[in-house]
């Protein structure tokens, strides 16, 4: 097995490369820096908007799409156009297995730009044979949004949460996510969709308090009306304050309270 990962130096990508290497799977990493992460066999400098270098996909059996441009509407458009372009490029090159990382936020319920972008890609990629749409929940580990939340929860004496943090969050540990992703890459007949998160959703309040308790901290939770908090986050973004989440993250979280996704792949594994 030879695996190609776009955006392989990010939080999920770096863990996935190590997990694949542990199973003797060769990994080719594509990233803006071109640096070769630990565990990768080779690496190429690449960014969204460019075609994948031919040498990068020689003898590749499966490609994993993780690259995403978060630069507002322009970044969303670039992500959509580039992902569709290289999906066709690699399909025409004979790569029959493609894994697209979408999000729990994707769907008709989506109100965040991120969720809408992922949902648009889901619909556009649905006609590609051999493509699997992966919808993870909030990934628990030492990076991503959860990592930033942990940093603040373990540092502040009080943590402001929308409506006290009663909203529910689907979660999946990074190690389990990587393990299931590799199984999908190796499967002879994988499902077309895999919703990867634990059956029991956690409240945002639980996540914050549990993260703080791991280092002996017990912050106060400061309930703030969600609509008011979105306004604060928008203002913080405009003046470039270093905050763990932005207004789009919160909009996605609120919209996800009406999401209809169920943990299909986790459920199948347990059965």
Protein backbone atom coordinates (compact mmCIF):
# COMPACT_ATOMS: atom_id res chain seq x y z
CA UNK A 1 0.00 0.00 0.00
CA UNK A 2 1.22 3.45 -0.93
CA UNK A 3 -0.73 6.40 0.44
CA UNK A 4 -0.80 10.02 -0.77
CA UNK A 5 -1.94 12.67 1.73
CA UNK A 6 -2.70 16.29 0.86
CA UNK A 7 -2.12 18.65 3.77
CA UNK A 8 -0.08 15.95 5.48
CA UNK A 9 1.79 18.21 7.89
CA UNK A 10 -1.36 19.27 9.78
CA UNK A 11 -2.75 17.87 13.00
CA UNK A 12 -4.62 14.90 11.52
CA UNK A 13 -2.16 14.35 8.69
CA UNK A 14 0.92 14.09 10.90
CA UNK A 15 -0.78 11.52 13.14
CA UNK A 16 -2.12 9.58 10.16
CA UNK A 17 1.36 9.36 8.63
CA UNK A 18 2.79 7.86 11.83
CA UNK A 19 -0.12 5.41 12.12
CA UNK A 20 0.33 4.31 8.51
CA UNK A 21 4.09 3.94 8.86
CA UNK A 22 3.52 1.70 11.90
CA UNK A 23 1.64 -0.65 9.55
CA UNK A 24 4.38 -0.57 6.90
CA UNK A 25 2.33 1.65 4.60
CA UNK A 26 4.42 4.04 2.51
CA UNK A 27 3.19 7.63 2.70
CA UNK A 28 3.77 10.48 0.27
CA UNK A 29 3.09 13.87 1.87
CA UNK A 30 1.95 17.00 0.03
CA UNK A 31 2.15 20.32 1.87
CA UNK A 32 2.88 24.01 1.38
CA UNK A 33 6.29 23.65 3.06
CA UNK A 34 7.34 20.50 1.24
CA UNK A 35 8.92 19.23 4.46
CA UNK A 36 8.94 15.48 5.09
CA UNK A 37 7.16 14.68 8.37
CA UNK A 38 8.30 11.86 10.59
CA UNK A 39 7.12 8.55 9.12
CA UNK A 40 6.64 9.79 5.55
CA UNK A 41 8.54 8.04 2.76
CA UNK A 42 8.71 11.20 0.64
CA UNK A 43 7.32 14.72 0.49
CA UNK A 44 6.54 17.30 -2.19
CA UNK A 45 5.94 21.03 -2.04
CA UNK A 46 2.36 21.64 -3.16
CA UNK A 47 -0.58 23.91 -2.39
CA UNK A 48 -4.24 24.16 -3.26
CA UNK A 49 -4.66 25.53 -6.77
CA UNK A 50 -1.82 23.43 -8.17
CA UNK A 51 -1.89 20.09 -9.94
CA UNK A 52 -0.27 17.21 -8.09
CA UNK A 53 3.26 16.47 -9.41
CA UNK A 54 3.31 13.22 -11.38
CA UNK A 55 6.15 11.81 -9.30
CA UNK A 56 4.05 12.26 -6.18
CA UNK A 57 1.39 9.79 -7.25
CA UNK A 58 3.52 7.13 -8.91
CA UNK A 59 2.33 3.69 -7.68
CA UNK A 60 -0.09 5.32 -5.23
CA UNK A 61 -3.04 3.13 -4.22
CA UNK A 62 -5.06 5.63 -2.20
CA UNK A 63 -5.23 9.40 -1.69
CA UNK A 64 -6.47 11.17 1.46
CA UNK A 65 -7.72 14.74 1.10
CA UNK A 66 -6.98 16.84 4.19
CA UNK A 67 -5.90 20.17 2.66
CA UNK A 68 -8.25 23.10 3.34
CA UNK A 69 -7.82 26.86 2.93
CA UNK A 70 -9.43 28.77 5.81
CA UNK A 71 -8.98 32.20 4.21
CA UNK A 72 -12.63 33.26 4.24
CA UNK A 73 -14.77 32.96 1.07
CA UNK A 74 -11.78 33.07 -1.26
CA UNK A 75 -10.17 30.17 0.59
CA UNK A 76 -13.40 28.18 0.46
CA UNK A 77 -13.67 28.64 -3.30
CA UNK A 78 -10.03 27.68 -3.77
CA UNK A 79 -10.54 24.56 -1.64
CA UNK A 80 -13.55 23.47 -3.68
CA UNK A 81 -12.07 24.14 -7.12
CA UNK A 82 -8.68 22.63 -6.33
CA UNK A 83 -10.02 19.51 -4.59
CA UNK A 84 -12.36 18.75 -7.49
CA UNK A 85 -9.56 19.32 -9.99
CA UNK A 86 -7.05 17.00 -8.39
CA UNK A 87 -9.72 14.38 -7.61
CA UNK A 88 -10.33 14.14 -11.37
CA UNK A 89 -6.59 14.24 -12.07
CA UNK A 90 -5.85 11.35 -9.74
CA UNK A 91 -8.90 9.34 -10.78
CA UNK A 92 -7.80 9.65 -14.42
CA UNK A 93 -4.32 8.53 -13.32
CA UNK A 94 -5.84 5.26 -12.13
CA UNK A 95 -6.08 5.86 -8.37
CA UNK A 96 -9.35 4.15 -7.54
CA UNK A 97 -9.46 4.68 -3.76
CA UNK A 98 -9.91 8.26 -2.56
CA UNK A 99 -10.78 9.33 0.98
CA UNK A 100 -12.19 12.83 1.42
CA UNK A 101 -12.21 14.27 4.92
CA UNK A 102 -15.45 16.18 5.32
CA UNK A 103 -16.94 17.16 8.68
CA UNK A 104 -19.83 16.58 11.05
CA UNK A 105 -20.62 20.21 10.25
CA UNK A 106 -21.36 19.33 6.61
CA UNK A 107 -24.98 18.89 5.61
CA UNK A 108 -28.17 20.74 4.84
CA UNK A 109 -28.08 22.06 8.40
CA UNK A 110 -24.72 23.82 7.82
CA UNK A 111 -24.61 27.55 8.57
CA UNK A 112 -20.84 27.99 8.92
CA UNK A 113 -18.68 28.66 5.88
CA UNK A 114 -16.59 25.62 6.77
CA UNK A 115 -19.61 23.31 6.94
CA UNK A 116 -21.10 24.70 3.72
CA UNK A 117 -17.77 24.27 1.91
CA UNK A 118 -17.46 20.66 3.02
CA UNK A 119 -21.06 19.94 2.05
CA UNK A 120 -20.56 21.46 -1.41
CA UNK A 121 -17.56 19.20 -1.90
CA UNK A 122 -19.48 16.16 -0.69
CA UNK A 123 -22.16 16.74 -3.31
CA UNK A 124 -19.66 17.44 -6.10
CA UNK A 125 -17.50 14.41 -5.28
CA UNK A 126 -20.38 11.96 -4.96
CA UNK A 127 -20.02 10.88 -8.61
CA UNK A 128 -16.41 9.75 -8.19
CA UNK A 129 -16.14 5.98 -8.06
CA UNK A 130 -14.21 4.55 -5.14
CA UNK A 131 -14.42 7.77 -3.13
CA UNK A 132 -15.27 7.58 0.56
CA UNK A 133 -16.59 10.61 2.45
CA UNK A 134 -15.31 10.68 6.02
CA UNK A 135 -17.16 12.82 8.56
CA UNK A 136 -15.25 12.93 11.85
CA UNK A 137 -16.49 14.58 14.98
CA UNK A 138 -14.34 16.92 17.04
CA UNK A 139 -10.93 15.24 17.02
CA UNK A 140 -9.49 14.80 20.51
CA UNK A 141 -5.72 15.14 20.63
CA UNK A 142 -2.82 17.55 20.89
CA UNK A 143 -3.88 19.83 18.07
CA UNK A 144 -6.76 21.30 16.10
CA UNK A 145 -9.68 23.10 17.73
CA UNK A 146 -9.69 20.72 20.70
CA UNK A 147 -6.03 21.38 21.37
CA UNK A 148 -6.68 25.13 21.43
CA UNK A 149 -9.68 24.70 23.72
CA UNK A 150 -7.55 22.63 26.11
CA UNK A 151 -4.88 25.31 26.25
CA UNK A 152 -7.36 27.97 27.31
CA UNK A 153 -9.34 25.70 29.63
CA UNK A 154 -6.12 24.84 31.47
CA UNK A 155 -4.94 28.43 31.69
CA UNK A 156 -7.94 30.65 32.48
CA UNK A 157 -9.67 30.93 35.91
CA UNK A 158 -13.02 31.10 34.09
CA UNK A 159 -14.09 29.98 30.64
CA UNK A 160 -16.93 31.71 28.70
CA UNK A 161 -19.15 29.20 26.95
CA UNK A 162 -22.23 29.68 24.72
CA UNK A 163 -25.32 29.18 26.88
CA UNK A 164 -23.16 27.56 29.54
CA UNK A 165 -21.82 24.87 27.22
CA UNK A 166 -24.92 22.70 27.25
CA UNK A 167 -24.74 22.02 23.49
CA UNK A 168 -23.60 18.56 22.41
CA UNK A 169 -20.37 17.72 20.58
CA UNK A 170 -19.53 14.50 18.66
CA UNK A 171 -15.99 13.38 19.51
CA UNK A 172 -13.38 10.92 18.29
CA UNK A 173 -9.84 10.36 19.56
CA UNK A 174 -7.11 11.00 16.99
CA UNK A 175 -5.66 7.49 17.36
CA UNK A 176 -9.00 5.83 16.65
CA UNK A 177 -9.68 8.16 13.73
CA UNK A 178 -6.35 7.26 12.14
CA UNK A 179 -6.92 3.54 12.70
CA UNK A 180 -10.34 3.62 11.03
CA UNK A 181 -9.03 5.77 8.16
CA UNK A 182 -6.34 3.19 7.41
CA UNK A 183 -8.93 0.41 7.50
CA UNK A 184 -10.99 2.33 4.94
CA UNK A 185 -7.91 2.74 2.75
CA UNK A 186 -7.23 -1.00 2.87
CA UNK A 187 -10.82 -2.27 2.66
CA UNK A 188 -11.79 -4.16 -0.49
CA UNK A 189 -15.34 -2.76 -0.46
CA UNK A 190 -15.55 0.29 1.82
CA UNK A 191 -18.77 2.24 2.39
CA UNK A 192 -19.29 5.42 0.41
CA UNK A 193 -19.68 7.36 3.67
CA UNK A 194 -18.16 6.90 7.14
CA UNK A 195 -19.36 9.00 10.07
CA UNK A 196 -16.56 8.58 12.61
CA UNK A 197 -17.43 9.67 16.14
CA UNK A 198 -18.47 8.01 19.37
CA UNK A 199 -22.16 7.12 19.79
CA UNK A 200 -22.42 9.20 22.97
CA UNK A 201 -22.10 12.93 22.34
CA UNK A 202 -20.55 15.08 25.06
CA UNK A 203 -21.56 18.53 26.17
CA UNK A 204 -19.13 21.36 25.48
CA UNK A 205 -19.11 22.01 29.22
CA UNK A 206 -17.98 18.43 29.91
CA UNK A 207 -15.17 18.67 27.37
CA UNK A 208 -13.81 21.89 28.85
CA UNK A 209 -14.01 20.75 32.47
CA UNK A 210 -12.52 17.33 31.71
CA UNK A 211 -9.63 18.91 29.79
CA UNK A 212 -8.88 21.25 32.69
CA UNK A 213 -9.20 18.48 35.30
CA UNK A 214 -6.47 16.47 33.55
CA UNK A 215 -3.94 19.04 34.78
CA UNK A 216 -5.61 19.68 38.14
CA UNK A 217 -7.46 22.84 37.11
CA UNK A 218 -11.11 23.61 37.88
CA UNK A 219 -12.19 26.78 36.06
CA UNK A 220 -15.53 28.49 36.50
CA UNK A 221 -17.87 28.29 33.53
CA UNK A 222 -19.22 31.68 32.49
CA UNK A 223 -22.49 31.27 30.54
CA UNK A 224 -22.89 33.79 27.70
CA UNK A 225 -25.83 33.95 25.26
CA UNK A 226 -24.69 32.32 22.03
CA UNK A 227 -25.80 35.17 19.77
CA UNK A 228 -23.92 37.69 21.92
CA UNK A 229 -20.80 35.49 21.95
CA UNK A 230 -20.79 35.28 18.15
CA UNK A 231 -20.67 39.07 18.03
CA UNK A 232 -17.73 39.10 20.45
CA UNK A 233 -15.86 36.51 18.38
CA UNK A 234 -16.45 38.46 15.18
CA UNK A 235 -15.01 41.57 16.80
CA UNK A 236 -12.05 39.58 18.16
CA UNK A 237 -11.37 38.26 14.67
CA UNK A 238 -11.43 41.74 13.16
CA UNK A 239 -8.77 42.97 15.57
CA UNK A 240 -6.81 39.71 15.31
CA UNK A 241 -7.00 38.64 18.94
CA UNK A 242 -5.50 35.16 19.59
CA UNK A 243 -8.65 33.19 20.48
CA UNK A 244 -9.14 29.39 20.46
CA UNK A 245 -12.26 29.48 18.28
CA UNK A 246 -13.77 31.98 15.85
CA UNK A 247 -17.30 33.06 14.96
CA UNK A 248 -17.51 30.49 12.15
CA UNK A 249 -16.55 27.70 14.57
CA UNK A 250 -19.32 28.76 16.95
CA UNK A 251 -21.87 29.08 14.13
CA UNK A 252 -21.00 25.53 13.08
CA UNK A 253 -21.34 24.25 16.64
CA UNK A 254 -24.79 25.83 17.03
CA UNK A 255 -25.99 24.48 13.68
CA UNK A 256 -24.68 21.01 14.56
CA UNK A 257 -27.28 20.74 17.32
CA UNK A 258 -29.76 19.90 14.56
CA UNK A 259 -27.44 17.62 12.55
CA UNK A 260 -28.79 14.17 11.67
CA UNK A 261 -25.52 12.25 11.27
CA UNK A 262 -25.18 8.93 13.07
CA UNK A 263 -21.86 7.15 13.79
CA UNK A 264 -22.10 4.56 11.02
CA UNK A 265 -18.55 3.20 10.94
CA UNK A 266 -18.07 3.15 14.73
CA UNK A 267 -21.37 1.30 15.04
CA UNK A 268 -20.39 -1.27 12.41
CA UNK A 269 -17.07 -1.93 14.17
CA UNK A 270 -18.77 -2.47 17.53
CA UNK A 271 -21.23 -4.89 16.00
